[in-house]
């Protein structure tokens, strides 16, 4: 499963990207997170569906005070992506 997720709210300047990377280390997922010019944060995450959902649930729990809305869209798996594993999730600038 691979998803693109856009978070809106007070999600920049609050450690959202670092938190997402740290939370991802606890799950067998790969992907990335980055700030967008419009003030949102976008991430792409790939892995087994149960790991992807658990990662997103945990991130939402940790950052709940900062998130106003979340848009989730499935996207095709990326065969070039790193294998889902702790440490396979990065911050993009």
C-alpha atoms as a PDB file:
ATOM      1  CA  UNK A   1       0.000   0.000   0.000  1.00  0.00           C
ATOM      2  CA  UNK A   2       1.243   3.479  -0.855  1.00  0.00           C
ATOM      3  CA  UNK A   3      -0.473   6.696   0.193  1.00  0.00           C
ATOM      4  CA  UNK A   4       0.064  10.429  -0.245  1.00  0.00           C
ATOM      5  CA  UNK A   5      -1.168  12.357   2.790  1.00  0.00           C
ATOM      6  CA  UNK A   6      -1.536  16.146   3.107  1.00  0.00           C
ATOM      7  CA  UNK A   7      -1.832  17.657   6.582  1.00  0.00           C
ATOM      8  CA  UNK A   8      -3.126  21.177   7.102  1.00  0.00           C
ATOM      9  CA  UNK A   9      -3.239  23.270  10.230  1.00  0.00           C
ATOM     10  CA  UNK A  10      -0.316  24.435  12.354  1.00  0.00           C
ATOM     11  CA  UNK A  11       1.963  21.794  10.894  1.00  0.00           C
ATOM     12  CA  UNK A  12       5.062  23.798   9.948  1.00  0.00           C
ATOM     13  CA  UNK A  13       7.537  25.069  12.524  1.00  0.00           C
ATOM     14  CA  UNK A  14       6.332  22.604  15.167  1.00  0.00           C
ATOM     15  CA  UNK A  15       8.585  19.612  14.490  1.00  0.00           C
ATOM     16  CA  UNK A  16       6.025  17.774  12.371  1.00  0.00           C
ATOM     17  CA  UNK A  17       8.564  16.380   9.874  1.00  0.00           C
ATOM     18  CA  UNK A  18      10.979  15.206  12.569  1.00  0.00           C
ATOM     19  CA  UNK A  19       8.088  13.671  14.482  1.00  0.00           C
ATOM     20  CA  UNK A  20       6.866  11.859  11.362  1.00  0.00           C
ATOM     21  CA  UNK A  21      10.345  10.445  10.760  1.00  0.00           C
ATOM     22  CA  UNK A  22      10.663   9.375  14.400  1.00  0.00           C
ATOM     23  CA  UNK A  23       7.237   7.736  14.441  1.00  0.00           C
ATOM     24  CA  UNK A  24       7.989   5.961  11.147  1.00  0.00           C
ATOM     25  CA  UNK A  25      11.063   4.350  12.705  1.00  0.00           C
ATOM     26  CA  UNK A  26       8.704   2.254  14.824  1.00  0.00           C
ATOM     27  CA  UNK A  27       6.989   0.736  11.789  1.00  0.00           C
ATOM     28  CA  UNK A  28       7.969  -1.238   8.705  1.00  0.00           C
ATOM     29  CA  UNK A  29       7.326   1.601   6.246  1.00  0.00           C
ATOM     30  CA  UNK A  30       9.323   3.649   3.769  1.00  0.00           C
ATOM     31  CA  UNK A  31       8.681   7.100   2.412  1.00  0.00           C
ATOM     32  CA  UNK A  32       9.279  10.787   2.977  1.00  0.00           C
ATOM     33  CA  UNK A  33       7.789  13.980   4.414  1.00  0.00           C
ATOM     34  CA  UNK A  34       8.213  17.620   3.332  1.00  0.00           C
ATOM     35  CA  UNK A  35       6.868  21.128   3.938  1.00  0.00           C
ATOM     36  CA  UNK A  36       4.854  22.689   1.127  1.00  0.00           C
ATOM     37  CA  UNK A  37       4.829  26.372   0.125  1.00  0.00           C
ATOM     38  CA  UNK A  38       1.125  26.673   1.063  1.00  0.00           C
ATOM     39  CA  UNK A  39       1.887  25.865   4.725  1.00  0.00           C
ATOM     40  CA  UNK A  40       0.807  22.228   4.580  1.00  0.00           C
ATOM     41  CA  UNK A  41       2.947  19.138   5.073  1.00  0.00           C
ATOM     42  CA  UNK A  42       2.863  16.249   2.587  1.00  0.00           C
ATOM     43  CA  UNK A  43       4.118  12.735   3.112  1.00  0.00           C
ATOM     44  CA  UNK A  44       4.223   9.589   1.071  1.00  0.00           C
ATOM     45  CA  UNK A  45       4.320   6.291   2.881  1.00  0.00           C
ATOM     46  CA  UNK A  46       4.594   2.747   1.542  1.00  0.00           C
ATOM     47  CA  UNK A  47       4.440  -0.662   3.151  1.00  0.00           C
ATOM     48  CA  UNK A  48       2.068  -3.369   4.277  1.00  0.00           C
ATOM     49  CA  UNK A  49      -1.386  -1.879   4.793  1.00  0.00           C
ATOM     50  CA  UNK A  50      -1.474  -2.638   8.515  1.00  0.00           C
ATOM     51  CA  UNK A  51       1.894  -0.925   9.081  1.00  0.00           C
ATOM     52  CA  UNK A  52       0.941   2.102   6.982  1.00  0.00           C
ATOM     53  CA  UNK A  53      -2.351   2.550   8.835  1.00  0.00           C
ATOM     54  CA  UNK A  54      -0.716   2.071  12.243  1.00  0.00           C
ATOM     55  CA  UNK A  55       1.979   4.640  11.370  1.00  0.00           C
ATOM     56  CA  UNK A  56      -0.604   7.203  10.229  1.00  0.00           C
ATOM     57  CA  UNK A  57      -2.795   6.573  13.293  1.00  0.00           C
ATOM     58  CA  UNK A  58       0.157   7.055  15.637  1.00  0.00           C
ATOM     59  CA  UNK A  59       1.316  10.215  13.852  1.00  0.00           C
ATOM     60  CA  UNK A  60      -2.203  11.662  14.042  1.00  0.00           C
ATOM     61  CA  UNK A  61      -2.340  10.824  17.745  1.00  0.00           C
ATOM     62  CA  UNK A  62       0.992  12.511  18.499  1.00  0.00           C
ATOM     63  CA  UNK A  63       0.320  15.623  16.363  1.00  0.00           C
ATOM     64  CA  UNK A  64      -3.453  15.899  16.915  1.00  0.00           C
ATOM     65  CA  UNK A  65      -3.291  19.428  18.338  1.00  0.00           C
ATOM     66  CA  UNK A  66      -1.632  20.723  15.186  1.00  0.00           C
ATOM     67  CA  UNK A  67      -3.699  18.975  12.515  1.00  0.00           C
ATOM     68  CA  UNK A  68      -6.798  20.744  11.196  1.00  0.00           C
ATOM     69  CA  UNK A  69      -7.454  18.484   8.206  1.00  0.00           C
ATOM     70  CA  UNK A  70      -6.001  15.430   6.486  1.00  0.00           C
ATOM     71  CA  UNK A  71      -6.369  14.414   2.848  1.00  0.00           C
ATOM     72  CA  UNK A  72      -5.357  10.856   1.969  1.00  0.00           C
ATOM     73  CA  UNK A  73      -4.955   9.564  -1.580  1.00  0.00           C
ATOM     74  CA  UNK A  74      -3.785   6.126  -2.698  1.00  0.00           C
ATOM     75  CA  UNK A  75      -1.006   6.144  -5.287  1.00  0.00           C
ATOM     76  CA  UNK A  76       0.694   3.296  -7.188  1.00  0.00           C
ATOM     77  CA  UNK A  77       3.478   1.486  -5.332  1.00  0.00           C
ATOM     78  CA  UNK A  78       6.976   2.698  -6.198  1.00  0.00           C
ATOM     79  CA  UNK A  79       9.197  -0.266  -7.121  1.00  0.00           C
ATOM     80  CA  UNK A  80      12.248   2.024  -6.713  1.00  0.00           C
ATOM     81  CA  UNK A  81      11.369   2.897  -3.091  1.00  0.00           C
ATOM     82  CA  UNK A  82      13.559   1.534  -0.309  1.00  0.00           C
ATOM     83  CA  UNK A  83      12.297  -1.627   1.344  1.00  0.00           C
ATOM     84  CA  UNK A  84       9.948  -0.813   4.214  1.00  0.00           C
ATOM     85  CA  UNK A  85      12.130  -0.873   7.321  1.00  0.00           C
ATOM     86  CA  UNK A  86      12.962   1.255  10.347  1.00  0.00           C
ATOM     87  CA  UNK A  87      15.024   4.184   9.055  1.00  0.00           C
ATOM     88  CA  UNK A  88      13.611   4.026   5.504  1.00  0.00           C
ATOM     89  CA  UNK A  89      11.568   7.212   5.989  1.00  0.00           C
ATOM     90  CA  UNK A  90      13.232  10.561   5.264  1.00  0.00           C
ATOM     91  CA  UNK A  91      12.700  14.291   5.492  1.00  0.00           C
ATOM     92  CA  UNK A  92      12.774  16.105   2.164  1.00  0.00           C
ATOM     93  CA  UNK A  93      13.535  19.803   1.962  1.00  0.00           C
END
